Amino acid sequence: MLLAIRPPSPSTARHGSVAALLVAAVFTASLPAPARAQAPAVPDPQAWSRLNPAEQAHQREALRRQLQNASPEQRQAFRRELRQRLQDLSPQQRQALIGDARAQWQQLSPEQRQALAAQRREQIQSMSPAERRELLRQRRALLETMSPEERAALREKLPLR
């Protein structure tokens, strides 16, 4: 569900779901693009959280199209700015975003959740091997910042394979 964004401290690492909504919106920043254009502006995290799921999906698709047409340097700059915006939030703001994201997720129907999971699977399957390795590296780095209790709590939430 998320493209790992390193939280500013281990105490907030378990709440990667804040970044998940934003990062899912811009996930395809690393996809190759046939035509190059200007990268889109990074959305404001708080404004993003106030959008309903349909509006988020619409804006996510618009961002995805724009990032596909951006140069690799522009996509990297976009990711850097997004990460910085999230790190600049106060702990209270991050907690509020986490609560909003959790509430929105819980309001989704099981079919909507499955559709989002399928969409994420497609995104990962469309990645190159190098992009997949980088994603795995980022996820492992995120896990290293978590306490054993946080990792255990995360494991409990994962579906059985």
Protein backbone atom coordinates (compact mmCIF):
# COMPACT_ATOMS: atom_id res chain seq x y z
CA MET A 1 0.00 0.00 0.00
CA LEU A 2 2.86 2.38 0.42
CA LEU A 3 5.99 3.51 -1.20
CA ALA A 4 8.29 3.93 1.72
CA ILE A 5 9.01 7.45 2.81
CA ARG A 6 11.40 7.60 5.71
CA PRO A 7 9.62 9.31 8.62
CA PRO A 8 11.61 11.84 10.60
CA SER A 9 11.72 9.72 13.74
CA PRO A 10 11.12 6.11 14.80
CA SER A 11 8.11 7.18 16.85
CA THR A 12 6.30 8.16 13.67
CA ALA A 13 7.63 5.31 11.52
CA ARG A 14 4.70 3.06 12.28
CA HIS A 15 2.43 5.65 10.79
CA GLY A 16 3.66 5.30 7.25
CA SER A 17 0.01 5.27 6.23
CA VAL A 18 0.08 9.07 6.28
CA ALA A 19 2.59 9.01 3.55
CA ALA A 20 0.83 6.10 1.89
CA LEU A 21 -2.05 8.16 0.61
CA LEU A 22 0.22 10.85 -0.71
CA VAL A 23 2.81 8.49 -2.04
CA ALA A 24 0.24 6.32 -3.71
CA ALA A 25 -0.89 9.47 -5.45
CA VAL A 26 2.53 10.01 -6.90
CA PHE A 27 3.87 6.47 -6.97
CA THR A 28 4.57 6.35 -10.67
CA ALA A 29 7.18 9.06 -10.36
CA SER A 30 9.79 6.46 -11.14
CA LEU A 31 8.15 5.08 -14.27
CA PRO A 32 9.78 5.79 -17.63
CA ALA A 33 8.20 8.45 -19.77
CA PRO A 34 8.22 8.75 -23.56
CA ALA A 35 7.63 12.50 -23.58
CA ARG A 36 9.10 14.95 -21.10
CA ALA A 37 7.14 17.76 -19.48
CA GLN A 38 7.23 19.83 -16.32
CA ALA A 39 6.74 17.88 -13.11
CA PRO A 40 3.58 18.74 -11.14
CA ALA A 41 3.63 20.64 -7.88
CA VAL A 42 3.64 18.54 -4.72
CA PRO A 43 0.16 18.53 -3.14
CA ASP A 44 -0.30 19.92 0.33
CA PRO A 45 -0.68 16.94 2.71
CA GLN A 46 -3.42 18.57 4.76
CA ALA A 47 -5.39 19.69 1.71
CA TRP A 48 -5.00 16.19 0.27
CA SER A 49 -6.41 14.59 3.41
CA ARG A 50 -9.52 16.76 3.17
CA LEU A 51 -10.36 15.41 -0.28
CA ASN A 52 -12.86 12.60 -0.52
CA PRO A 53 -11.61 9.29 -1.99
CA ALA A 54 -13.06 10.02 -5.43
CA GLU A 55 -11.32 13.40 -5.60
CA GLN A 56 -8.09 11.82 -4.41
CA ALA A 57 -8.34 9.17 -7.10
CA HIS A 58 -8.94 11.81 -9.77
CA GLN A 59 -5.99 13.93 -8.62
CA ARG A 60 -3.82 10.83 -8.19
CA GLU A 61 -4.43 9.87 -11.81
CA ALA A 62 -3.67 13.42 -12.99
CA LEU A 63 -0.42 13.42 -11.01
CA ARG A 64 0.47 9.99 -12.38
CA ARG A 65 0.04 11.19 -15.97
CA GLN A 66 2.09 14.33 -15.32
CA LEU A 67 4.88 12.38 -13.63
CA GLN A 68 5.02 9.86 -16.45
CA ASN A 69 5.83 12.75 -18.76
CA ALA A 70 8.45 14.26 -16.44
CA SER A 71 12.17 13.63 -16.63
CA PRO A 72 13.81 11.31 -14.09
CA GLU A 73 15.38 14.35 -12.43
CA GLN A 74 11.98 16.04 -12.15
CA ARG A 75 10.43 12.91 -10.65
CA GLN A 76 13.28 12.65 -8.16
CA ALA A 77 12.86 16.32 -7.22
CA PHE A 78 9.12 15.72 -6.79
CA ARG A 79 9.74 12.79 -4.42
CA ARG A 80 12.32 14.80 -2.48
CA GLU A 81 9.92 17.73 -2.05
CA LEU A 82 7.07 15.40 -1.03
CA ARG A 83 9.28 13.74 1.56
CA GLN A 84 10.37 17.14 2.87
CA ARG A 85 6.78 18.37 3.17
CA LEU A 86 5.85 15.33 5.22
CA GLN A 87 8.89 15.70 7.44
CA ASP A 88 8.14 19.39 8.01
CA LEU A 89 4.75 18.59 9.53
CA SER A 90 4.53 18.76 13.31
CA PRO A 91 3.87 15.49 15.17
CA GLN A 92 0.30 16.67 15.84
CA GLN A 93 -0.28 17.37 12.15
CA ARG A 94 1.10 13.94 11.22
CA GLN A 95 -1.16 12.31 13.81
CA ALA A 96 -4.16 14.18 12.39
CA LEU A 97 -3.27 13.02 8.87
CA ILE A 98 -2.87 9.46 10.10
CA GLY A 99 -6.30 9.59 11.74
CA ASP A 100 -7.88 11.04 8.61
CA ALA A 101 -6.26 8.39 6.41
CA ARG A 102 -7.34 5.60 8.75
CA ALA A 103 -10.92 6.92 8.86
CA GLN A 104 -11.09 7.17 5.08
CA TRP A 105 -9.73 3.65 4.66
CA GLN A 106 -12.25 2.24 7.13
CA GLN A 107 -15.08 3.98 5.29
CA LEU A 108 -14.21 2.17 2.06
CA SER A 109 -16.21 -0.88 1.12
CA PRO A 110 -14.39 -4.22 0.87
CA GLU A 111 -14.68 -3.98 -2.92
CA GLN A 112 -13.03 -0.55 -2.93
CA ARG A 113 -10.24 -1.81 -0.72
CA GLN A 114 -9.69 -4.79 -3.02
CA ALA A 115 -9.64 -2.49 -6.04
CA LEU A 116 -6.99 -0.29 -4.41
CA ALA A 117 -4.91 -3.35 -3.52
CA ALA A 118 -5.19 -4.64 -7.09
CA GLN A 119 -4.16 -1.25 -8.45
CA ARG A 120 -1.10 -1.25 -6.21
CA ARG A 121 -0.18 -4.78 -7.33
CA GLU A 122 -0.39 -3.65 -10.96
CA GLN A 123 1.89 -0.70 -10.23
CA ILE A 124 4.49 -2.93 -8.63
CA GLN A 125 4.28 -5.50 -11.42
CA SER A 126 4.85 -2.77 -14.00
CA MET A 127 8.08 -1.68 -12.30
CA SER A 128 11.47 -2.63 -13.65
CA PRO A 129 13.63 -4.99 -11.59
CA ALA A 130 15.81 -2.05 -10.53
CA GLU A 131 12.75 -0.09 -9.38
CA ARG A 132 11.50 -3.08 -7.42
CA ARG A 133 14.89 -3.48 -5.73
CA GLU A 134 14.86 0.20 -4.78
CA LEU A 135 11.34 -0.11 -3.35
CA LEU A 136 12.42 -3.14 -1.35
CA ARG A 137 15.48 -1.25 -0.07
CA GLN A 138 13.27 1.65 1.02
CA ARG A 139 10.84 -0.64 2.79
CA ARG A 140 13.65 -2.42 4.63
CA ALA A 141 15.10 0.93 5.69
CA LEU A 142 11.68 1.92 7.03
CA LEU A 143 11.39 -1.33 8.97
CA GLU A 144 14.83 -0.76 10.50
CA THR A 145 13.59 2.52 12.00
CA MET A 146 10.71 0.76 13.76
CA SER A 147 10.85 -0.67 17.25
CA PRO A 148 10.24 -4.42 17.70
CA GLU A 149 6.76 -3.59 19.04
CA GLU A 150 5.94 -1.49 15.99
CA ARG A 151 7.13 -4.24 13.65
CA ALA A 152 5.03 -6.80 15.55
CA ALA A 153 1.97 -4.55 15.32
CA LEU A 154 2.54 -4.16 11.59
CA ARG A 155 2.92 -7.92 11.13
CA GLU A 156 -0.45 -8.46 12.86
CA LYS A 157 -2.12 -6.24 10.28
CA LEU A 158 -0.67 -8.08 7.28
CA PRO A 159 -2.82 -10.72 5.60
CA LEU A 160 -1.69 -14.33 5.85
CA ARG A 161 -0.03 -15.70 2.72
